[in-house]
Amino acid sequence: MSLQDDPRPAKRRRGKELDDAILVAALAELTDGGYAQFTVERVAERAGTSRHVVYRRWSTRSELALQALMHNSDRARRPVPDTGSLRGDVIALLSQANELRLGLVATFSVQLGTYYTETGTTPEQLRQQVIGDRPRAMEVIMDRATARGEADPARLTPRIVTLPVDLIRHEALMSLSTVPQATILEIVDDIFLPLVLVR
């Protein structure tokens, strides 16, 4: 018996299950076609629901796109690495980010040009909206390193603390792909650690 012949009714999705399906579909649409081709109708079709259902939850396509990015960020979040050393933590964090989302971030940075124009926001503002007020991983790592006596707190300016993440993001944006492990080690060993370790 084929699926078309199956007399059982399809399960009706509700609440979080339906919301998740819509947001996953929205992210897929952004990934495949960018924001310029992003429509509520296409998301609804991909999610197997109606555009009226989508519009009841998000009144504009920009709201839907933002929520899809936030949803993906929440799903991709991992515990902050805790290897017992500053070097190990930073390498683990950058490797984790590289594996999970840097390629996606690079793609979206290119494909969301219309979003920035439409909403009047910048990439940094979008990043702040997606991340929210949760603690930054590098801040957690540097607090631990300072407590262990590895890092010199007098040298930890906000820009230096975020430097490894900023550099790997730049590498991903320039290549529109993941970053080689050798580059991650260079960022950590040759650039970052000499700036922050206790002398």
C-alpha atoms as a PDB file:
ATOM      1  CA  MET A   1       0.000   0.000   0.000  1.00  0.00           C
ATOM      2  CA  SER A   2       1.424   3.405  -0.945  1.00  0.00           C
ATOM      3  CA  LEU A   3       1.387   6.426   1.300  1.00  0.00           C
ATOM      4  CA  GLN A   4      -1.315   7.913  -0.904  1.00  0.00           C
ATOM      5  CA  ASP A   5      -3.526   4.880  -0.236  1.00  0.00           C
ATOM      6  CA  ASP A   6      -2.998   5.026   3.531  1.00  0.00           C
ATOM      7  CA  PRO A   7      -6.441   5.754   5.049  1.00  0.00           C
ATOM      8  CA  ARG A   8      -4.979   7.081   8.303  1.00  0.00           C
ATOM      9  CA  PRO A   9      -5.098  10.894   8.571  1.00  0.00           C
ATOM     10  CA  ALA A  10      -1.810  12.778   8.728  1.00  0.00           C
ATOM     11  CA  LYS A  11      -0.783  13.807  12.216  1.00  0.00           C
ATOM     12  CA  ARG A  12      -1.639  17.432  12.824  1.00  0.00           C
ATOM     13  CA  ARG A  13       1.251  19.388  14.245  1.00  0.00           C
ATOM     14  CA  ARG A  14       0.640  21.974  16.902  1.00  0.00           C
ATOM     15  CA  GLY A  15       2.509  24.319  19.216  1.00  0.00           C
ATOM     16  CA  LYS A  16       6.260  23.919  19.451  1.00  0.00           C
ATOM     17  CA  GLU A  17       6.365  21.050  16.956  1.00  0.00           C
ATOM     18  CA  LEU A  18       4.762  23.211  14.292  1.00  0.00           C
ATOM     19  CA  ASP A  19       6.845  26.259  15.205  1.00  0.00           C
ATOM     20  CA  ASP A  20      10.040  24.195  14.944  1.00  0.00           C
ATOM     21  CA  ALA A  21       9.015  22.821  11.546  1.00  0.00           C
ATOM     22  CA  ILE A  22       8.358  26.321  10.224  1.00  0.00           C
ATOM     23  CA  LEU A  23      11.641  27.712  11.566  1.00  0.00           C
ATOM     24  CA  VAL A  24      13.672  24.807  10.172  1.00  0.00           C
ATOM     25  CA  ALA A  25      11.999  25.366   6.802  1.00  0.00           C
ATOM     26  CA  ALA A  26      12.716  29.096   7.019  1.00  0.00           C
ATOM     27  CA  LEU A  27      16.391  28.473   7.697  1.00  0.00           C
ATOM     28  CA  ALA A  28      16.558  26.082   4.760  1.00  0.00           C
ATOM     29  CA  GLU A  29      14.990  28.720   2.504  1.00  0.00           C
ATOM     30  CA  LEU A  30      17.511  31.321   3.653  1.00  0.00           C
ATOM     31  CA  THR A  31      20.364  28.898   3.075  1.00  0.00           C
ATOM     32  CA  ASP A  32      19.198  27.866  -0.384  1.00  0.00           C
ATOM     33  CA  GLY A  33      18.057  31.160  -1.860  1.00  0.00           C
ATOM     34  CA  GLY A  34      19.140  33.968   0.441  1.00  0.00           C
ATOM     35  CA  TYR A  35      16.889  36.707   1.767  1.00  0.00           C
ATOM     36  CA  ALA A  36      16.182  38.184  -1.663  1.00  0.00           C
ATOM     37  CA  GLN A  37      14.131  35.088  -2.583  1.00  0.00           C
ATOM     38  CA  PHE A  38      12.812  34.483   0.931  1.00  0.00           C
ATOM     39  CA  THR A  39       9.001  34.512   1.140  1.00  0.00           C
ATOM     40  CA  VAL A  40       6.463  33.360   3.687  1.00  0.00           C
ATOM     41  CA  GLU A  41       4.718  31.382   0.945  1.00  0.00           C
ATOM     42  CA  ARG A  42       7.855  29.379   0.149  1.00  0.00           C
ATOM     43  CA  VAL A  43       8.512  28.708   3.824  1.00  0.00           C
ATOM     44  CA  ALA A  44       4.924  27.544   4.346  1.00  0.00           C
ATOM     45  CA  GLU A  45       5.130  25.198   1.381  1.00  0.00           C
ATOM     46  CA  ARG A  46       8.422  23.773   2.563  1.00  0.00           C
ATOM     47  CA  ALA A  47       7.055  23.282   6.096  1.00  0.00           C
ATOM     48  CA  GLY A  48       3.893  21.617   4.807  1.00  0.00           C
ATOM     49  CA  THR A  49       1.545  24.226   6.226  1.00  0.00           C
ATOM     50  CA  SER A  50      -0.335  27.327   5.051  1.00  0.00           C
ATOM     51  CA  ARG A  51       0.941  30.875   4.840  1.00  0.00           C
ATOM     52  CA  HIS A  52      -1.938  31.935   7.135  1.00  0.00           C
ATOM     53  CA  VAL A  53      -0.534  29.682   9.854  1.00  0.00           C
ATOM     54  CA  VAL A  54       2.878  31.291   9.420  1.00  0.00           C
ATOM     55  CA  TYR A  55       1.505  34.843   9.395  1.00  0.00           C
ATOM     56  CA  ARG A  56      -0.369  34.189  12.650  1.00  0.00           C
ATOM     57  CA  ARG A  57       3.037  33.660  14.271  1.00  0.00           C
ATOM     58  CA  TRP A  58       5.242  36.165  12.408  1.00  0.00           C
ATOM     59  CA  SER A  59       3.686  39.154  10.708  1.00  0.00           C
ATOM     60  CA  THR A  60       6.587  39.943   8.350  1.00  0.00           C
ATOM     61  CA  ARG A  61       9.226  37.945   6.523  1.00  0.00           C
ATOM     62  CA  SER A  62      11.991  39.817   8.368  1.00  0.00           C
ATOM     63  CA  GLU A  63      10.556  38.696  11.732  1.00  0.00           C
ATOM     64  CA  LEU A  64      10.399  35.115  10.457  1.00  0.00           C
ATOM     65  CA  ALA A  65      13.967  35.236   9.156  1.00  0.00           C
ATOM     66  CA  LEU A  66      15.284  36.640  12.450  1.00  0.00           C
ATOM     67  CA  GLN A  67      13.433  34.009  14.465  1.00  0.00           C
ATOM     68  CA  ALA A  68      14.803  31.256  12.215  1.00  0.00           C
ATOM     69  CA  LEU A  69      18.356  32.463  12.812  1.00  0.00           C
ATOM     70  CA  MET A  70      17.761  32.675  16.573  1.00  0.00           C
ATOM     71  CA  HIS A  71      16.219  29.207  16.593  1.00  0.00           C
ATOM     72  CA  ASN A  72      19.206  27.774  14.732  1.00  0.00           C
ATOM     73  CA  SER A  73      21.616  29.491  17.119  1.00  0.00           C
ATOM     74  CA  ASP A  74      19.837  27.980  20.117  1.00  0.00           C
ATOM     75  CA  ARG A  75      19.859  24.499  18.578  1.00  0.00           C
ATOM     76  CA  ALA A  76      23.549  24.735  17.655  1.00  0.00           C
ATOM     77  CA  ARG A  77      24.660  25.955  21.078  1.00  0.00           C
ATOM     78  CA  ARG A  78      27.131  23.718  22.884  1.00  0.00           C
ATOM     79  CA  PRO A  79      28.663  23.888  26.375  1.00  0.00           C
ATOM     80  CA  VAL A  80      31.716  26.133  26.632  1.00  0.00           C
ATOM     81  CA  PRO A  81      34.783  23.863  26.338  1.00  0.00           C
ATOM     82  CA  ASP A  82      36.591  23.200  29.607  1.00  0.00           C
ATOM     83  CA  THR A  83      39.819  21.322  28.872  1.00  0.00           C
ATOM     84  CA  GLY A  84      41.756  22.626  31.858  1.00  0.00           C
ATOM     85  CA  SER A  85      43.997  24.987  29.878  1.00  0.00           C
ATOM     86  CA  LEU A  86      43.521  28.273  28.060  1.00  0.00           C
ATOM     87  CA  ARG A  87      45.103  26.950  24.872  1.00  0.00           C
ATOM     88  CA  GLY A  88      42.970  23.823  24.891  1.00  0.00           C
ATOM     89  CA  ASP A  89      39.761  25.760  25.581  1.00  0.00           C
ATOM     90  CA  VAL A  90      40.290  28.290  22.789  1.00  0.00           C
ATOM     91  CA  ILE A  91      41.291  25.666  20.226  1.00  0.00           C
ATOM     92  CA  ALA A  92      38.265  23.564  21.201  1.00  0.00           C
ATOM     93  CA  LEU A  93      35.931  26.569  20.970  1.00  0.00           C
ATOM     94  CA  LEU A  94      37.182  27.650  17.549  1.00  0.00           C
ATOM     95  CA  SER A  95      37.090  24.077  16.255  1.00  0.00           C
ATOM     96  CA  GLN A  96      33.552  23.685  17.565  1.00  0.00           C
ATOM     97  CA  ALA A  97      32.403  26.911  15.919  1.00  0.00           C
ATOM     98  CA  ASN A  98      34.173  25.948  12.713  1.00  0.00           C
ATOM     99  CA  GLU A  99      32.388  22.607  12.592  1.00  0.00           C
ATOM    100  CA  LEU A 100      28.927  23.780  13.590  1.00  0.00           C
ATOM    101  CA  ARG A 101      28.228  27.149  12.057  1.00  0.00           C
ATOM    102  CA  LEU A 102      30.997  29.213  10.502  1.00  0.00           C
ATOM    103  CA  GLY A 103      30.167  28.109   6.965  1.00  0.00           C
ATOM    104  CA  LEU A 104      26.560  29.033   7.608  1.00  0.00           C
ATOM    105  CA  VAL A 105      27.534  32.406   9.077  1.00  0.00           C
ATOM    106  CA  ALA A 106      29.681  33.167   6.037  1.00  0.00           C
ATOM    107  CA  THR A 107      26.883  32.224   3.668  1.00  0.00           C
ATOM    108  CA  PHE A 108      24.313  34.326   5.502  1.00  0.00           C
ATOM    109  CA  SER A 109      26.606  37.328   5.659  1.00  0.00           C
ATOM    110  CA  VAL A 110      26.622  37.335   1.877  1.00  0.00           C
ATOM    111  CA  GLN A 111      22.973  36.355   1.365  1.00  0.00           C
ATOM    112  CA  LEU A 112      21.349  38.720   3.862  1.00  0.00           C
ATOM    113  CA  GLY A 113      22.170  41.994   2.113  1.00  0.00           C
ATOM    114  CA  THR A 114      18.499  42.647   1.338  1.00  0.00           C
ATOM    115  CA  TYR A 115      17.603  41.955   4.982  1.00  0.00           C
ATOM    116  CA  TYR A 116      19.941  44.701   6.205  1.00  0.00           C
ATOM    117  CA  THR A 117      18.494  47.155   3.690  1.00  0.00           C
ATOM    118  CA  GLU A 118      14.905  46.237   4.512  1.00  0.00           C
ATOM    119  CA  THR A 119      15.299  46.366   8.293  1.00  0.00           C
ATOM    120  CA  GLY A 120      17.885  49.136   8.555  1.00  0.00           C
ATOM    121  CA  THR A 121      20.152  46.948  10.683  1.00  0.00           C
ATOM    122  CA  THR A 122      23.822  46.018  10.433  1.00  0.00           C
ATOM    123  CA  PRO A 123      25.453  42.560  10.627  1.00  0.00           C
ATOM    124  CA  GLU A 124      26.650  43.389  14.153  1.00  0.00           C
ATOM    125  CA  GLN A 125      23.133  44.350  15.261  1.00  0.00           C
ATOM    126  CA  LEU A 126      21.756  41.132  13.791  1.00  0.00           C
ATOM    127  CA  ARG A 127      24.451  39.154  15.600  1.00  0.00           C
ATOM    128  CA  GLN A 128      23.512  40.806  18.903  1.00  0.00           C
ATOM    129  CA  GLN A 129      19.834  39.981  18.337  1.00  0.00           C
ATOM    130  CA  VAL A 130      20.619  36.345  17.543  1.00  0.00           C
ATOM    131  CA  ILE A 131      23.024  35.824  20.454  1.00  0.00           C
ATOM    132  CA  GLY A 132      20.965  37.772  22.996  1.00  0.00           C
ATOM    133  CA  ASP A 133      22.274  38.452  26.494  1.00  0.00           C
ATOM    134  CA  ARG A 134      23.794  35.038  27.198  1.00  0.00           C
ATOM    135  CA  PRO A 135      27.452  35.058  28.315  1.00  0.00           C
ATOM    136  CA  ARG A 136      30.005  34.979  25.507  1.00  0.00           C
ATOM    137  CA  ALA A 137      32.064  31.809  25.433  1.00  0.00           C
ATOM    138  CA  MET A 138      35.391  33.666  25.261  1.00  0.00           C
ATOM    139  CA  GLU A 139      34.500  35.652  28.367  1.00  0.00           C
ATOM    140  CA  VAL A 140      33.807  32.419  30.257  1.00  0.00           C
ATOM    141  CA  ILE A 141      37.081  30.905  29.014  1.00  0.00           C
ATOM    142  CA  MET A 142      39.114  33.978  29.974  1.00  0.00           C
ATOM    143  CA  ASP A 143      37.527  34.144  33.437  1.00  0.00           C
ATOM    144  CA  ARG A 144      38.642  30.562  34.015  1.00  0.00           C
ATOM    145  CA  ALA A 145      42.129  31.250  32.649  1.00  0.00           C
ATOM    146  CA  THR A 146      42.491  34.280  34.914  1.00  0.00           C
ATOM    147  CA  ALA A 147      41.387  32.259  37.940  1.00  0.00           C
ATOM    148  CA  ARG A 148      44.005  29.608  37.084  1.00  0.00           C
ATOM    149  CA  GLY A 149      46.693  32.274  36.802  1.00  0.00           C
ATOM    150  CA  GLU A 150      47.287  31.650  33.084  1.00  0.00           C
ATOM    151  CA  ALA A 151      45.993  34.945  31.712  1.00  0.00           C
ATOM    152  CA  ASP A 152      46.965  38.459  32.760  1.00  0.00           C
ATOM    153  CA  PRO A 153      43.723  40.336  33.556  1.00  0.00           C
ATOM    154  CA  ALA A 154      45.425  43.695  32.945  1.00  0.00           C
ATOM    155  CA  ARG A 155      45.862  42.745  29.294  1.00  0.00           C
ATOM    156  CA  LEU A 156      42.314  41.504  28.656  1.00  0.00           C
ATOM    157  CA  THR A 157      40.628  44.345  26.808  1.00  0.00           C
ATOM    158  CA  PRO A 158      37.247  43.526  25.223  1.00  0.00           C
ATOM    159  CA  ARG A 159      38.820  43.490  21.752  1.00  0.00           C
ATOM    160  CA  ILE A 160      41.596  41.104  22.772  1.00  0.00           C
ATOM    161  CA  VAL A 161      39.145  38.749  24.485  1.00  0.00           C
ATOM    162  CA  THR A 162      37.079  38.403  21.297  1.00  0.00           C
ATOM    163  CA  LEU A 163      40.107  38.363  18.978  1.00  0.00           C
ATOM    164  CA  PRO A 164      40.234  34.597  18.264  1.00  0.00           C
ATOM    165  CA  VAL A 165      36.540  34.468  17.354  1.00  0.00           C
ATOM    166  CA  ASP A 166      36.808  37.655  15.286  1.00  0.00           C
ATOM    167  CA  LEU A 167      39.770  36.282  13.347  1.00  0.00           C
ATOM    168  CA  ILE A 168      38.204  32.927  12.570  1.00  0.00           C
ATOM    169  CA  ARG A 169      34.966  34.640  11.512  1.00  0.00           C
ATOM    170  CA  HIS A 170      36.993  36.854   9.175  1.00  0.00           C
ATOM    171  CA  GLU A 171      38.691  33.800   7.684  1.00  0.00           C
ATOM    172  CA  ALA A 172      35.317  32.151   7.080  1.00  0.00           C
ATOM    173  CA  LEU A 173      33.886  35.297   5.483  1.00  0.00           C
ATOM    174  CA  MET A 174      36.839  35.639   3.154  1.00  0.00           C
ATOM    175  CA  SER A 175      36.738  32.017   2.003  1.00  0.00           C
ATOM    176  CA  LEU A 176      32.979  31.336   2.420  1.00  0.00           C
ATOM    177  CA  SER A 177      33.902  27.986   3.926  1.00  0.00           C
ATOM    178  CA  THR A 178      35.198  26.356   7.069  1.00  0.00           C
ATOM    179  CA  VAL A 179      38.677  27.252   8.285  1.00  0.00           C
ATOM    180  CA  PRO A 180      41.645  24.816   8.111  1.00  0.00           C
ATOM    181  CA  GLN A 181      42.768  23.484  11.484  1.00  0.00           C
ATOM    182  CA  ALA A 182      46.284  24.809  10.814  1.00  0.00           C
ATOM    183  CA  THR A 183      44.828  28.325  10.646  1.00  0.00           C
ATOM    184  CA  ILE A 184      43.034  27.830  13.965  1.00  0.00           C
ATOM    185  CA  LEU A 185      46.312  26.773  15.608  1.00  0.00           C
ATOM    186  CA  GLU A 186      48.084  29.770  14.107  1.00  0.00           C
ATOM    187  CA  ILE A 187      45.428  32.142  15.457  1.00  0.00           C
ATOM    188  CA  VAL A 188      45.730  30.652  18.942  1.00  0.00           C
ATOM    189  CA  ASP A 189      49.472  30.003  19.220  1.00  0.00           C
ATOM    190  CA  ASP A 190      51.019  32.800  17.155  1.00  0.00           C
ATOM    191  CA  ILE A 191      48.553  35.654  17.670  1.00  0.00           C
ATOM    192  CA  PHE A 192      46.302  35.242  20.708  1.00  0.00           C
ATOM    193  CA  LEU A 193      48.290  33.495  23.452  1.00  0.00           C
ATOM    194  CA  PRO A 194      51.311  35.848  23.264  1.00  0.00           C
ATOM    195  CA  LEU A 195      48.916  38.734  23.940  1.00  0.00           C
ATOM    196  CA  VAL A 196      47.240  37.313  27.038  1.00  0.00           C
ATOM    197  CA  LEU A 197      49.492  34.873  28.872  1.00  0.00           C
ATOM    198  CA  VAL A 198      51.085  35.901  32.139  1.00  0.00           C
ATOM    199  CA  ARG A 199      54.715  36.755  31.464  1.00  0.00           C
END
